[in-house]
Amino acid sequence: MEELFIGLAVGAVLAYFIYGRFGGVGKKEKTNTQSVILMEKIRSVCKFITVEGDFSEIFYYENVKDKWLNLLLGKKKALVLIEAKAHIGFDLTKLKMEADTKNKTIILTNFPQPELLTIETDFKYYDKREGWANPFTAADLTEINQEAKKHIVDKVPGSGLYTEASKQALETIQLVEKLVETINWRLDYTALFDSIESPKLKE
């Protein structure tokens, strides 16, 4: 009877150590997998728009590339009314994150600068003048649209939209924080306190 008891005790101790070794490895692997999936989930949000700006501009186009052709056949020129909507925000694929699996913490080490994510444009032509033998072609209209869109893109930096978007950085980080909390992890963004333009982060 005593030998049976000793055998059971030894077996229990061996089982404990075996579980501690292999069960712990499984748990660690599960935690690592969990952190990888979480970071991919955050990046999958991709482009997050925080500011929208409307533009209305008059763009003057004149074909100056074919100087001699214009002299012979007449100039092509047009006034274009551009109605545009610019979306400024953050590309979350550029987030830099590290996983502390021991403390179940995602450490945010870098947050992207605001950028122009998309721009929607609508063009209306006014006072479109063609040369007597130099009409507008499909290629000309494509060129006008491209130059008109570039005209709006060049206006965005001076519009104050990037500054306004920077002020929304904290709200964007808090969105990431909520995603992290869905699996009972914690987001650590203390490394960004000096780089994010938000009074709340610097308090």
Protein backbone atom coordinates (compact mmCIF):
# COMPACT_ATOMS: atom_id res chain seq x y z
CA MET A 1 0.00 0.00 0.00
CA GLU A 2 2.84 2.34 0.90
CA GLU A 3 4.56 1.61 -2.44
CA LEU A 4 1.34 2.44 -4.29
CA PHE A 5 1.08 5.78 -2.48
CA ILE A 6 4.72 6.65 -3.30
CA GLY A 7 4.14 5.69 -6.94
CA LEU A 8 1.09 7.94 -7.16
CA ALA A 9 2.98 10.84 -5.55
CA VAL A 10 5.93 10.48 -7.91
CA GLY A 11 3.53 10.29 -10.87
CA ALA A 12 1.74 13.46 -9.76
CA VAL A 13 5.05 15.34 -9.44
CA LEU A 14 6.17 14.18 -12.89
CA ALA A 15 2.81 15.16 -14.40
CA TYR A 16 3.09 18.62 -12.83
CA PHE A 17 6.55 19.23 -14.28
CA ILE A 18 5.55 17.89 -17.71
CA TYR A 19 2.49 20.16 -17.79
CA GLY A 20 4.54 23.10 -16.55
CA ARG A 21 7.06 22.63 -19.36
CA PHE A 22 4.85 21.82 -22.31
CA GLY A 23 1.65 23.53 -21.17
CA GLY A 24 3.57 26.77 -20.57
CA VAL A 25 5.08 26.63 -24.06
CA GLY A 26 1.63 26.25 -25.58
CA LYS A 27 0.34 29.20 -23.60
CA LYS A 28 3.29 31.36 -24.66
CA GLU A 29 2.81 30.41 -28.31
CA LYS A 30 -0.87 31.25 -28.02
CA THR A 31 -0.02 34.66 -26.52
CA ASN A 32 2.53 35.36 -29.27
CA THR A 33 -0.01 34.40 -31.92
CA GLN A 34 -2.58 36.58 -30.22
CA SER A 35 -0.26 39.61 -30.32
CA VAL A 36 0.58 39.10 -34.01
CA ILE A 37 -3.09 38.81 -34.95
CA LEU A 38 -3.87 41.90 -32.89
CA MET A 39 -1.20 44.04 -34.61
CA GLU A 40 -2.38 42.88 -38.02
CA LYS A 41 -5.94 43.74 -37.00
CA ILE A 42 -4.82 47.27 -36.09
CA ARG A 43 -2.97 47.70 -39.38
CA SER A 44 -5.97 46.40 -41.31
CA VAL A 45 -7.81 49.60 -40.38
CA CYS A 46 -5.36 51.11 -42.89
CA LYS A 47 -6.22 54.67 -43.80
CA PHE A 48 -8.11 56.59 -41.15
CA ILE A 49 -9.60 59.91 -42.31
CA THR A 50 -9.83 62.58 -39.61
CA VAL A 51 -10.24 65.86 -41.54
CA GLU A 52 -12.12 66.76 -44.71
CA GLY A 53 -11.62 69.98 -46.67
CA ASP A 54 -13.59 71.49 -49.55
CA PHE A 55 -11.93 73.47 -52.32
CA SER A 56 -13.38 75.60 -55.10
CA GLU A 57 -10.82 76.98 -57.52
CA ILE A 58 -10.65 78.54 -60.97
CA PHE A 59 -7.87 76.97 -63.04
CA TYR A 60 -6.60 78.55 -66.25
CA TYR A 61 -5.25 76.20 -68.89
CA GLU A 62 -3.35 77.13 -72.01
CA ASN A 63 -1.48 74.79 -74.30
CA VAL A 64 2.03 76.22 -74.44
CA LYS A 65 3.89 73.06 -75.41
CA ASP A 66 3.34 73.32 -79.17
CA LYS A 67 4.34 76.96 -79.59
CA TRP A 68 4.78 76.96 -83.38
CA LEU A 69 1.68 74.81 -83.90
CA ASN A 70 -0.32 77.27 -81.82
CA LEU A 71 0.90 80.16 -83.98
CA LEU A 72 -0.16 78.38 -87.16
CA LEU A 73 -3.38 76.69 -86.06
CA GLY A 74 -4.48 78.81 -83.09
CA LYS A 75 -4.20 78.44 -79.31
CA LYS A 76 -6.19 76.12 -77.09
CA LYS A 77 -7.17 77.50 -73.69
CA ALA A 78 -9.87 77.05 -71.11
CA LEU A 79 -11.10 78.17 -67.72
CA VAL A 80 -11.91 75.26 -65.44
CA LEU A 81 -13.95 75.42 -62.23
CA ILE A 82 -12.63 72.79 -59.85
CA GLU A 83 -14.80 71.51 -57.01
CA ALA A 84 -12.73 69.24 -54.82
CA LYS A 85 -12.92 67.42 -51.50
CA ALA A 86 -9.64 66.47 -49.81
CA HIS A 87 -9.44 63.81 -47.09
CA ILE A 88 -6.55 64.09 -44.63
CA GLY A 89 -5.71 61.43 -42.08
CA PHE A 90 -3.29 58.72 -41.03
CA ASP A 91 -2.05 55.62 -42.82
CA LEU A 92 -2.09 53.10 -39.97
CA THR A 93 -0.01 50.61 -41.96
CA LYS A 94 2.92 52.90 -41.03
CA LEU A 95 2.42 52.38 -37.30
CA LYS A 96 5.45 50.89 -35.54
CA MET A 97 4.49 48.53 -32.73
CA GLU A 98 6.13 46.01 -30.45
CA ALA A 99 4.43 43.27 -28.43
CA ASP A 100 5.26 42.65 -24.78
CA THR A 101 3.61 39.24 -24.42
CA LYS A 102 4.61 38.87 -20.77
CA ASN A 103 2.63 41.95 -19.74
CA LYS A 104 0.07 41.70 -22.57
CA THR A 105 1.01 45.15 -23.82
CA ILE A 106 1.31 46.63 -27.31
CA ILE A 107 3.97 49.34 -27.32
CA LEU A 108 3.45 52.08 -29.90
CA THR A 109 6.87 53.45 -30.86
CA ASN A 110 6.02 55.54 -33.92
CA PHE A 111 2.89 57.26 -35.19
CA PRO A 112 2.65 58.43 -38.83
CA GLN A 113 2.33 62.06 -39.89
CA PRO A 114 -0.99 63.18 -41.38
CA GLU A 115 -1.16 62.93 -45.15
CA LEU A 116 -3.49 63.43 -48.09
CA LEU A 117 -5.30 60.10 -48.34
CA THR A 118 -7.80 60.75 -51.12
CA ILE A 119 -9.05 63.64 -53.20
CA GLU A 120 -12.34 63.81 -55.09
CA THR A 121 -12.59 66.27 -57.95
CA ASP A 122 -15.27 67.56 -60.28
CA PHE A 123 -14.46 69.79 -63.26
CA LYS A 124 -16.66 72.25 -65.14
CA TYR A 125 -15.31 73.96 -68.24
CA TYR A 126 -15.96 77.62 -68.97
CA ASP A 127 -14.73 79.75 -71.84
CA LYS A 128 -13.11 76.82 -73.63
CA ARG A 129 -11.46 78.21 -76.78
CA GLU A 130 -9.99 76.14 -79.55
CA GLY A 131 -7.76 77.14 -82.44
CA TRP A 132 -9.45 77.33 -85.84
CA ALA A 133 -7.64 74.11 -86.79
CA ASN A 134 -6.44 73.03 -83.35
CA PRO A 135 -9.36 71.42 -81.43
CA PHE A 136 -9.21 69.88 -77.97
CA THR A 137 -8.49 66.16 -78.02
CA ALA A 138 -9.14 63.45 -75.44
CA ALA A 139 -5.45 63.65 -74.51
CA ASP A 140 -5.78 67.40 -73.94
CA LEU A 141 -8.75 66.94 -71.60
CA THR A 142 -6.88 64.25 -69.66
CA GLU A 143 -3.92 66.61 -69.30
CA ILE A 144 -6.19 69.43 -68.12
CA ASN A 145 -7.77 67.18 -65.49
CA GLN A 146 -4.37 66.03 -64.25
CA GLU A 147 -3.01 69.58 -64.02
CA ALA A 148 -6.19 70.84 -62.35
CA LYS A 149 -6.02 68.05 -59.75
CA LYS A 150 -2.34 68.82 -59.10
CA HIS A 151 -3.34 72.47 -58.63
CA ILE A 152 -5.63 71.41 -55.75
CA VAL A 153 -3.04 69.03 -54.27
CA ASP A 154 -0.54 71.90 -54.19
CA LYS A 155 -3.10 74.01 -52.30
CA VAL A 156 -3.61 71.46 -49.50
CA PRO A 157 -0.40 72.15 -47.47
CA GLY A 158 -1.28 75.82 -47.09
CA SER A 159 -4.89 75.13 -46.13
CA GLY A 160 -4.23 74.22 -42.48
CA LEU A 161 -5.74 70.75 -42.94
CA TYR A 162 -2.55 68.95 -41.91
CA THR A 163 -2.37 70.98 -38.69
CA GLU A 164 -5.99 70.21 -37.94
CA ALA A 165 -5.42 66.51 -38.59
CA SER A 166 -2.42 66.51 -36.23
CA LYS A 167 -4.73 67.66 -33.45
CA GLN A 168 -6.81 64.52 -34.04
CA ALA A 169 -3.82 62.21 -33.47
CA LEU A 170 -4.85 61.43 -29.88
CA GLU A 171 -8.35 60.41 -30.98
CA THR A 172 -6.81 58.09 -33.57
CA ILE A 173 -4.53 56.53 -30.94
CA GLN A 174 -7.53 56.02 -28.68
CA LEU A 175 -9.22 54.13 -31.51
CA VAL A 176 -6.18 51.83 -31.64
CA GLU A 177 -6.37 51.53 -27.85
CA LYS A 178 -9.97 50.30 -28.03
CA LEU A 179 -8.96 47.67 -30.57
CA VAL A 180 -6.22 46.48 -28.22
CA GLU A 181 -8.61 46.33 -25.28
CA THR A 182 -10.97 43.99 -27.17
CA ILE A 183 -8.69 41.07 -26.24
CA ASN A 184 -7.81 42.43 -22.78
CA TRP A 185 -4.41 43.82 -23.75
CA ARG A 186 -3.08 47.29 -22.98
CA LEU A 187 -1.69 49.98 -25.32
CA ASP A 188 1.42 51.84 -24.19
CA TYR A 189 1.97 55.06 -26.18
CA THR A 190 4.10 56.98 -23.66
CA ALA A 191 6.97 57.05 -26.19
CA LEU A 192 4.87 59.40 -28.32
CA PHE A 193 4.18 62.07 -25.70
CA ASP A 194 6.71 64.49 -27.19
CA SER A 195 5.94 63.84 -30.84
CA ILE A 196 2.15 64.07 -31.03
CA GLU A 197 0.82 67.61 -31.30
CA SER A 198 -1.88 67.41 -28.68
CA PRO A 199 -2.07 69.28 -25.36
CA LYS A 200 -3.82 66.28 -23.80
CA LEU A 201 -0.85 64.03 -24.48
CA LYS A 202 1.58 66.48 -22.92
CA GLU A 203 -0.32 67.01 -19.69
